Amino acid sequence: HNAPTYLPFYEEDMQYVLEHFDTLVLKDV
């Protein structure tokens, strides 16, 4: 399995990222 990954390009993923921002690592593609 992949590390749980979110693509903010999608609205649902963007919402998740904004709500859990402090617990995530963000990477420039």
PDB file of all heavy atoms in Angstrom:
ATOM      1  N   HIS A   1       0.822  -1.210   0.000  1.00  0.00           N
ATOM      2  CA  HIS A   1       0.000   0.000   0.000  1.00  0.00           C
ATOM      3  C   HIS A   1       0.861   1.268   0.000  1.00  0.00           C
ATOM      4  O   HIS A   1       1.940   1.301   0.601  1.00  0.00           O
ATOM      5  CB  HIS A   1      -0.929   0.000   1.213  1.00  0.00           C
ATOM      6  CG  HIS A   1      -1.931  -1.101   1.188  1.00  0.00           C
ATOM      7  ND1 HIS A   1      -3.025  -1.114   0.346  1.00  0.00           N
ATOM      8  CD2 HIS A   1      -1.997  -2.265   1.890  1.00  0.00           C
ATOM      9  CE1 HIS A   1      -3.732  -2.211   0.527  1.00  0.00           C
ATOM     10  NE2 HIS A   1      -3.120  -2.945   1.458  1.00  0.00           N
ATOM     11  N   ASN A   2       0.366   2.280  -0.678  1.00  0.00           N
ATOM     12  CA  ASN A   2       0.999   3.590  -0.650  1.00  0.00           C
ATOM     13  C   ASN A   2       0.876   4.209   0.741  1.00  0.00           C
ATOM     14  O   ASN A   2      -0.028   3.854   1.511  1.00  0.00           O
ATOM     15  CB  ASN A   2       0.301   4.536  -1.631  1.00  0.00           C
ATOM     16  CG  ASN A   2       0.719   4.308  -3.057  1.00  0.00           C
ATOM     17  OD1 ASN A   2       1.413   3.351  -3.370  1.00  0.00           O
ATOM     18  ND2 ASN A   2       0.273   5.185  -3.939  1.00  0.00           N
ATOM     19  N   ALA A   3       1.760   5.149   1.021  1.00  0.00           N
ATOM     20  CA  ALA A   3       1.502   6.032   2.145  1.00  0.00           C
ATOM     21  C   ALA A   3       0.219   6.795   1.819  1.00  0.00           C
ATOM     22  O   ALA A   3       0.021   7.206   0.668  1.00  0.00           O
ATOM     23  CB  ALA A   3       2.662   6.998   2.338  1.00  0.00           C
ATOM     24  N   PRO A   4      -0.698   6.961   2.767  1.00  0.00           N
ATOM     25  CA  PRO A   4      -1.943   7.701   2.489  1.00  0.00           C
ATOM     26  C   PRO A   4      -1.634   9.054   1.861  1.00  0.00           C
ATOM     27  O   PRO A   4      -0.913   9.869   2.434  1.00  0.00           O
ATOM     28  CB  PRO A   4      -2.585   7.840   3.869  1.00  0.00           C
ATOM     29  CG  PRO A   4      -2.059   6.663   4.636  1.00  0.00           C
ATOM     30  CD  PRO A   4      -0.644   6.473   4.155  1.00  0.00           C
ATOM     31  N   THR A   5      -2.154   9.272   0.657  1.00  0.00           N
ATOM     32  CA  THR A   5      -1.785  10.428  -0.154  1.00  0.00           C
ATOM     33  C   THR A   5      -3.025  11.174  -0.615  1.00  0.00           C
ATOM     34  O   THR A   5      -4.038  10.565  -0.963  1.00  0.00           O
ATOM     35  CB  THR A   5      -0.964   9.983  -1.381  1.00  0.00           C
ATOM     36  OG1 THR A   5       0.188   9.248  -0.937  1.00  0.00           O
ATOM     37  CG2 THR A   5      -0.502  11.176  -2.204  1.00  0.00           C
ATOM     38  N   TYR A   6      -2.932  12.497  -0.655  1.00  0.00           N
ATOM     39  CA  TYR A   6      -4.058  13.345  -1.051  1.00  0.00           C
ATOM     40  C   TYR A   6      -3.591  14.311  -2.132  1.00  0.00           C
ATOM     41  O   TYR A   6      -2.478  14.841  -2.070  1.00  0.00           O
ATOM     42  CB  TYR A   6      -4.598  14.107   0.161  1.00  0.00           C
ATOM     43  CG  TYR A   6      -4.834  13.196   1.347  1.00  0.00           C
ATOM     44  CD1 TYR A   6      -3.847  13.049   2.331  1.00  0.00           C
ATOM     45  CD2 TYR A   6      -6.001  12.447   1.453  1.00  0.00           C
ATOM     46  CE1 TYR A   6      -4.044  12.189   3.400  1.00  0.00           C
ATOM     47  CE2 TYR A   6      -6.196  11.583   2.523  1.00  0.00           C
ATOM     48  CZ  TYR A   6      -5.216  11.456   3.484  1.00  0.00           C
ATOM     49  OH  TYR A   6      -5.400  10.584   4.533  1.00  0.00           O
ATOM     50  N   LEU A   7      -4.444  14.528  -3.115  1.00  0.00           N
ATOM     51  CA  LEU A   7      -4.147  15.442  -4.216  1.00  0.00           C
ATOM     52  C   LEU A   7      -5.097  16.627  -4.102  1.00  0.00           C
ATOM     53  O   LEU A   7      -6.282  16.513  -4.435  1.00  0.00           O
ATOM     54  CB  LEU A   7      -4.325  14.720  -5.554  1.00  0.00           C
ATOM     55  CG  LEU A   7      -3.735  15.391  -6.787  1.00  0.00           C
ATOM     56  CD1 LEU A   7      -2.222  15.522  -6.668  1.00  0.00           C
ATOM     57  CD2 LEU A   7      -4.079  14.601  -8.057  1.00  0.00           C
ATOM     58  N   PRO A   8      -4.612  17.764  -3.622  1.00  0.00           N
ATOM     59  CA  PRO A   8      -5.494  18.919  -3.385  1.00  0.00           C
ATOM     60  C   PRO A   8      -6.194  19.440  -4.634  1.00  0.00           C
ATOM     61  O   PRO A   8      -7.098  20.270  -4.535  1.00  0.00           O
ATOM     62  CB  PRO A   8      -4.535  19.973  -2.806  1.00  0.00           C
ATOM     63  CG  PRO A   8      -3.407  19.196  -2.251  1.00  0.00           C
ATOM     64  CD  PRO A   8      -3.242  18.014  -3.163  1.00  0.00           C
ATOM     65  N   PHE A   9      -5.779  18.962  -5.798  1.00  0.00           N
ATOM     66  CA  PHE A   9      -6.468  19.311  -7.045  1.00  0.00           C
ATOM     67  C   PHE A   9      -7.941  18.931  -6.964  1.00  0.00           C
ATOM     68  O   PHE A   9      -8.805  19.590  -7.558  1.00  0.00           O
ATOM     69  CB  PHE A   9      -5.786  18.585  -8.201  1.00  0.00           C
ATOM     70  CG  PHE A   9      -6.433  18.819  -9.536  1.00  0.00           C
ATOM     71  CD1 PHE A   9      -6.188  19.981 -10.257  1.00  0.00           C
ATOM     72  CD2 PHE A   9      -7.283  17.871 -10.087  1.00  0.00           C
ATOM     73  CE1 PHE A   9      -6.788  20.191 -11.493  1.00  0.00           C
ATOM     74  CE2 PHE A   9      -7.881  18.073 -11.323  1.00  0.00           C
ATOM     75  CZ  PHE A   9      -7.627  19.234 -12.025  1.00  0.00           C
ATOM     76  N   TYR A  10      -8.232  17.868  -6.202  1.00  0.00           N
ATOM     77  CA  TYR A  10      -9.612  17.427  -6.017  1.00  0.00           C
ATOM     78  C   TYR A  10     -10.198  18.077  -4.772  1.00  0.00           C
ATOM     79  O   TYR A  10      -9.553  18.114  -3.711  1.00  0.00           O
ATOM     80  CB  TYR A  10      -9.677  15.905  -5.917  1.00  0.00           C
ATOM     81  CG  TYR A  10      -9.226  15.210  -7.182  1.00  0.00           C
ATOM     82  CD1 TYR A  10      -8.049  14.467  -7.211  1.00  0.00           C
ATOM     83  CD2 TYR A  10      -9.964  15.323  -8.353  1.00  0.00           C
ATOM     84  CE1 TYR A  10      -7.628  13.838  -8.385  1.00  0.00           C
ATOM     85  CE2 TYR A  10      -9.544  14.705  -9.531  1.00  0.00           C
ATOM     86  CZ  TYR A  10      -8.388  13.974  -9.534  1.00  0.00           C
ATOM     87  OH  TYR A  10      -7.975  13.364 -10.700  1.00  0.00           O
ATOM     88  N   GLU A  11     -11.409  18.560  -4.894  1.00  0.00           N
ATOM     89  CA  GLU A  11     -12.037  19.331  -3.821  1.00  0.00           C
ATOM     90  C   GLU A  11     -12.095  18.550  -2.509  1.00  0.00           C
ATOM     91  O   GLU A  11     -11.812  19.095  -1.433  1.00  0.00           O
ATOM     92  CB  GLU A  11     -13.450  19.748  -4.248  1.00  0.00           C
ATOM     93  CG  GLU A  11     -14.141  20.650  -3.246  1.00  0.00           C
ATOM     94  CD  GLU A  11     -15.495  21.138  -3.738  1.00  0.00           C
ATOM     95  OE1 GLU A  11     -15.787  20.982  -4.949  1.00  0.00           O
ATOM     96  OE2 GLU A  11     -16.264  21.667  -2.907  1.00  0.00           O
ATOM     97  N   GLU A  12     -12.440  17.271  -2.579  1.00  0.00           N
ATOM     98  CA  GLU A  12     -12.541  16.460  -1.370  1.00  0.00           C
ATOM     99  C   GLU A  12     -11.191  16.347  -0.669  1.00  0.00           C
ATOM    100  O   GLU A  12     -11.093  16.450   0.564  1.00  0.00           O
ATOM    101  CB  GLU A  12     -13.074  15.066  -1.719  1.00  0.00           C
ATOM    102  CG  GLU A  12     -13.239  14.154  -0.526  1.00  0.00           C
ATOM    103  CD  GLU A  12     -13.764  12.775  -0.912  1.00  0.00           C
ATOM    104  OE1 GLU A  12     -14.056  12.562  -2.121  1.00  0.00           O
ATOM    105  OE2 GLU A  12     -13.893  11.914  -0.023  1.00  0.00           O
ATOM    106  N   ASP A  13     -10.138  16.140  -1.458  1.00  0.00           N
ATOM    107  CA  ASP A  13      -8.800  16.035  -0.882  1.00  0.00           C
ATOM    108  C   ASP A  13      -8.329  17.377  -0.328  1.00  0.00           C
ATOM    109  O   ASP A  13      -7.673  17.431   0.724  1.00  0.00           O
ATOM    110  CB  ASP A  13      -7.815  15.523  -1.929  1.00  0.00           C
ATOM    111  CG  ASP A  13      -7.948  14.028  -2.171  1.00  0.00           C
ATOM    112  OD1 ASP A  13      -8.973  13.451  -1.765  1.00  0.00           O
ATOM    113  OD2 ASP A  13      -7.033  13.436  -2.768  1.00  0.00           O
ATOM    114  N   MET A  14      -8.646  18.450  -1.028  1.00  0.00           N
ATOM    115  CA  MET A  14      -8.284  19.785  -0.536  1.00  0.00           C
ATOM    116  C   MET A  14      -8.905  20.041   0.825  1.00  0.00           C
ATOM    117  O   MET A  14      -8.244  20.540   1.745  1.00  0.00           O
ATOM    118  CB  MET A  14      -8.722  20.855  -1.537  1.00  0.00           C
ATOM    119  CG  MET A  14      -8.524  22.286  -1.046  1.00  0.00           C
ATOM    120  SD  MET A  14      -6.790  22.777  -0.870  1.00  0.00           S
ATOM    121  CE  MET A  14      -6.461  23.286  -2.577  1.00  0.00           C
ATOM    122  N   GLN A  15     -10.169  19.679   0.967  1.00  0.00           N
ATOM    123  CA  GLN A  15     -10.850  19.880   2.235  1.00  0.00           C
ATOM    124  C   GLN A  15     -10.165  19.099   3.357  1.00  0.00           C
ATOM    125  O   GLN A  15      -9.956  19.607   4.460  1.00  0.00           O
ATOM    126  CB  GLN A  15     -12.317  19.459   2.120  1.00  0.00           C
ATOM    127  CG  GLN A  15     -13.177  19.802   3.339  1.00  0.00           C
ATOM    128  CD  GLN A  15     -13.261  21.297   3.587  1.00  0.00           C
ATOM    129  OE1 GLN A  15     -13.274  22.105   2.647  1.00  0.00           O
ATOM    130  NE2 GLN A  15     -13.283  21.687   4.855  1.00  0.00           N
ATOM    131  N   TYR A  16      -9.774  17.854   3.046  1.00  0.00           N
ATOM    132  CA  TYR A  16      -9.100  17.026   4.050  1.00  0.00           C
ATOM    133  C   TYR A  16      -7.756  17.653   4.442  1.00  0.00           C
ATOM    134  O   TYR A  16      -7.404  17.697   5.626  1.00  0.00           O
ATOM    135  CB  TYR A  16      -8.878  15.609   3.519  1.00  0.00           C
ATOM    136  CG  TYR A  16      -8.231  14.693   4.544  1.00  0.00           C
ATOM    137  CD1 TYR A  16      -9.017  13.934   5.404  1.00  0.00           C
ATOM    138  CD2 TYR A  16      -6.839  14.600   4.650  1.00  0.00           C
ATOM    139  CE1 TYR A  16      -8.431  13.116   6.365  1.00  0.00           C
ATOM    140  CE2 TYR A  16      -6.246  13.791   5.609  1.00  0.00           C
ATOM    141  CZ  TYR A  16      -7.043  13.042   6.456  1.00  0.00           C
ATOM    142  OH  TYR A  16      -6.467  12.250   7.418  1.00  0.00           O
ATOM    143  N   VAL A  17      -7.014  18.110   3.452  1.00  0.00           N
ATOM    144  CA  VAL A  17      -5.699  18.698   3.715  1.00  0.00           C
ATOM    145  C   VAL A  17      -5.821  19.938   4.597  1.00  0.00           C
ATOM    146  O   VAL A  17      -5.049  20.123   5.549  1.00  0.00           O
ATOM    147  CB  VAL A  17      -4.992  19.049   2.397  1.00  0.00           C
ATOM    148  CG1 VAL A  17      -3.727  19.868   2.655  1.00  0.00           C
ATOM    149  CG2 VAL A  17      -4.643  17.784   1.626  1.00  0.00           C
ATOM    150  N   LEU A  18      -6.802  20.772   4.311  1.00  0.00           N
ATOM    151  CA  LEU A  18      -6.980  21.993   5.108  1.00  0.00           C
ATOM    152  C   LEU A  18      -7.381  21.669   6.544  1.00  0.00           C
ATOM    153  O   LEU A  18      -6.958  22.345   7.482  1.00  0.00           O
ATOM    154  CB  LEU A  18      -8.031  22.895   4.451  1.00  0.00           C
ATOM    155  CG  LEU A  18      -7.661  23.452   3.064  1.00  0.00           C
ATOM    156  CD1 LEU A  18      -8.802  24.292   2.515  1.00  0.00           C
ATOM    157  CD2 LEU A  18      -6.371  24.267   3.134  1.00  0.00           C
ATOM    158  N   GLU A  19      -8.178  20.616   6.720  1.00  0.00           N
ATOM    159  CA  GLU A  19      -8.643  20.245   8.054  1.00  0.00           C
ATOM    160  C   GLU A  19      -7.564  19.541   8.875  1.00  0.00           C
ATOM    161  O   GLU A  19      -7.601  19.558  10.108  1.00  0.00           O
ATOM    162  CB  GLU A  19      -9.875  19.349   7.950  1.00  0.00           C
ATOM    163  CG  GLU A  19     -11.111  20.069   7.411  1.00  0.00           C
ATOM    164  CD  GLU A  19     -12.283  19.130   7.203  1.00  0.00           C
ATOM    165  OE1 GLU A  19     -12.118  17.907   7.434  1.00  0.00           O
ATOM    166  OE2 GLU A  19     -13.374  19.615   6.819  1.00  0.00           O
ATOM    167  N   HIS A  20      -6.602  18.896   8.196  1.00  0.00           N
ATOM    168  CA  HIS A  20      -5.574  18.125   8.899  1.00  0.00           C
ATOM    169  C   HIS A  20      -4.163  18.635   8.588  1.00  0.00           C
ATOM    170  O   HIS A  20      -3.187  17.901   8.709  1.00  0.00           O
ATOM    171  CB  HIS A  20      -5.671  16.644   8.505  1.00  0.00           C
ATOM    172  CG  HIS A  20      -6.982  16.014   8.831  1.00  0.00           C
ATOM    173  ND1 HIS A  20      -8.101  16.126   8.004  1.00  0.00           N
ATOM    174  CD2 HIS A  20      -7.376  15.277   9.906  1.00  0.00           C
ATOM    175  CE1 HIS A  20      -9.102  15.464   8.545  1.00  0.00           C
ATOM    176  NE2 HIS A  20      -8.711  14.952   9.702  1.00  0.00           N
ATOM    177  N   PHE A  21      -4.066  19.888   8.216  1.00  0.00           N
ATOM    178  CA  PHE A  21      -2.816  20.462   7.725  1.00  0.00           C
ATOM    179  C   PHE A  21      -1.643  20.218   8.675  1.00  0.00           C
ATOM    180  O   PHE A  21      -0.537  19.880   8.254  1.00  0.00           O
ATOM    181  CB  PHE A  21      -2.993  21.962   7.492  1.00  0.00           C
ATOM    182  CG  PHE A  21      -1.862  22.609   6.753  1.00  0.00           C
ATOM    183  CD1 PHE A  21      -1.840  22.645   5.367  1.00  0.00           C
ATOM    184  CD2 PHE A  21      -0.796  23.183   7.448  1.00  0.00           C
ATOM    185  CE1 PHE A  21      -0.789  23.230   4.680  1.00  0.00           C
ATOM    186  CE2 PHE A  21       0.256  23.781   6.780  1.00  0.00           C
ATOM    187  CZ  PHE A  21       0.264  23.796   5.388  1.00  0.00           C
ATOM    188  N   ASP A  22      -1.884  20.379   9.966  1.00  0.00           N
ATOM    189  CA  ASP A  22      -0.792  20.286  10.941  1.00  0.00           C
ATOM    190  C   ASP A  22      -0.232  18.876  11.095  1.00  0.00           C
ATOM    191  O   ASP A  22       0.837  18.699  11.690  1.00  0.00           O
ATOM    192  CB  ASP A  22      -1.262  20.788  12.310  1.00  0.00           C
ATOM    193  CG  ASP A  22      -1.529  22.292  12.301  1.00  0.00           C
ATOM    194  OD1 ASP A  22      -1.022  22.979  11.397  1.00  0.00           O
ATOM    195  OD2 ASP A  22      -2.248  22.766  13.201  1.00  0.00           O
ATOM    196  N   THR A  23      -0.927  17.868  10.585  1.00  0.00           N
ATOM    197  CA  THR A  23      -0.462  16.480  10.747  1.00  0.00           C
ATOM    198  C   THR A  23       0.108  15.901   9.466  1.00  0.00           C
ATOM    199  O   THR A  23       0.481  14.720   9.434  1.00  0.00           O
ATOM    200  CB  THR A  23      -1.623  15.585  11.215  1.00  0.00           C
ATOM    201  OG1 THR A  23      -2.608  15.483  10.176  1.00  0.00           O
ATOM    202  CG2 THR A  23      -2.259  16.130  12.481  1.00  0.00           C
ATOM    203  N   LEU A  24       0.198  16.708   8.405  1.00  0.00           N
ATOM    204  CA  LEU A  24       0.592  16.203   7.097  1.00  0.00           C
ATOM    205  C   LEU A  24       1.966  16.713   6.670  1.00  0.00           C
ATOM    206  O   LEU A  24       2.453  17.735   7.171  1.00  0.00           O
ATOM    207  CB  LEU A  24      -0.443  16.602   6.041  1.00  0.00           C
ATOM    208  CG  LEU A  24      -1.873  16.107   6.263  1.00  0.00           C
ATOM    209  CD1 LEU A  24      -2.808  16.726   5.228  1.00  0.00           C
ATOM    210  CD2 LEU A  24      -1.933  14.589   6.210  1.00  0.00           C
ATOM    211  N   VAL A  25       2.567  15.997   5.724  1.00  0.00           N
ATOM    212  CA  VAL A  25       3.755  16.484   5.030  1.00  0.00           C
ATOM    213  C   VAL A  25       3.327  16.827   3.612  1.00  0.00           C
ATOM    214  O   VAL A  25       2.582  16.066   2.977  1.00  0.00           O
ATOM    215  CB  VAL A  25       4.895  15.433   5.027  1.00  0.00           C
ATOM    216  CG1 VAL A  25       4.441  14.102   4.455  1.00  0.00           C
ATOM    217  CG2 VAL A  25       6.105  15.946   4.243  1.00  0.00           C
ATOM    218  N   LEU A  26       3.750  17.966   3.110  1.00  0.00           N
ATOM    219  CA  LEU A  26       3.347  18.438   1.781  1.00  0.00           C
ATOM    220  C   LEU A  26       4.559  18.497   0.873  1.00  0.00           C
ATOM    221  O   LEU A  26       5.644  18.924   1.286  1.00  0.00           O
ATOM    222  CB  LEU A  26       2.657  19.798   1.884  1.00  0.00           C
ATOM    223  CG  LEU A  26       1.372  19.736   2.719  1.00  0.00           C
ATOM    224  CD1 LEU A  26       1.618  20.375   4.075  1.00  0.00           C
ATOM    225  CD2 LEU A  26       0.203  20.375   2.010  1.00  0.00           C
ATOM    226  N   LYS A  27       4.368  18.070  -0.377  1.00  0.00           N
ATOM    227  CA  LYS A  27       5.494  17.945  -1.298  1.00  0.00           C
ATOM    228  C   LYS A  27       5.145  18.576  -2.643  1.00  0.00           C
ATOM    229  O   LYS A  27       4.058  18.353  -3.190  1.00  0.00           O
ATOM    230  CB  LYS A  27       5.851  16.472  -1.506  1.00  0.00           C
ATOM    231  CG  LYS A  27       6.197  15.734  -0.222  1.00  0.00           C
ATOM    232  CD  LYS A  27       6.477  14.258  -0.463  1.00  0.00           C
ATOM    233  CE  LYS A  27       6.825  13.526   0.827  1.00  0.00           C
ATOM    234  NZ  LYS A  27       7.112  12.093   0.610  1.00  0.00           N
ATOM    235  N   ASP A  28       6.084  19.342  -3.168  1.00  0.00           N
ATOM    236  CA  ASP A  28       5.969  19.895  -4.517  1.00  0.00           C
ATOM    237  C   ASP A  28       6.186  18.753  -5.504  1.00  0.00           C
ATOM    238  O   ASP A  28       7.215  18.073  -5.457  1.00  0.00           O
ATOM    239  CB  ASP A  28       7.018  20.984  -4.712  1.00  0.00           C
ATOM    240  CG  ASP A  28       6.817  21.769  -5.999  1.00  0.00           C
ATOM    241  OD1 ASP A  28       6.538  21.145  -7.041  1.00  0.00           O
ATOM    242  OD2 ASP A  28       6.963  23.000  -5.971  1.00  0.00           O
ATOM    243  N   VAL A  29       5.237  18.519  -6.398  1.00  0.00           N
ATOM    244  CA  VAL A  29       5.291  17.340  -7.275  1.00  0.00           C
ATOM    245  C   VAL A  29       6.455  17.382  -8.252  1.00  0.00           C
ATOM    246  O   VAL A  29       6.877  16.343  -8.769  1.00  0.00           O
ATOM    247  CB  VAL A  29       3.970  17.162  -8.059  1.00  0.00           C
ATOM    248  CG1 VAL A  29       2.798  16.980  -7.123  1.00  0.00           C
ATOM    249  CG2 VAL A  29       3.720  18.328  -9.008  1.00  0.00           C
TER     250      VAL A  29
END
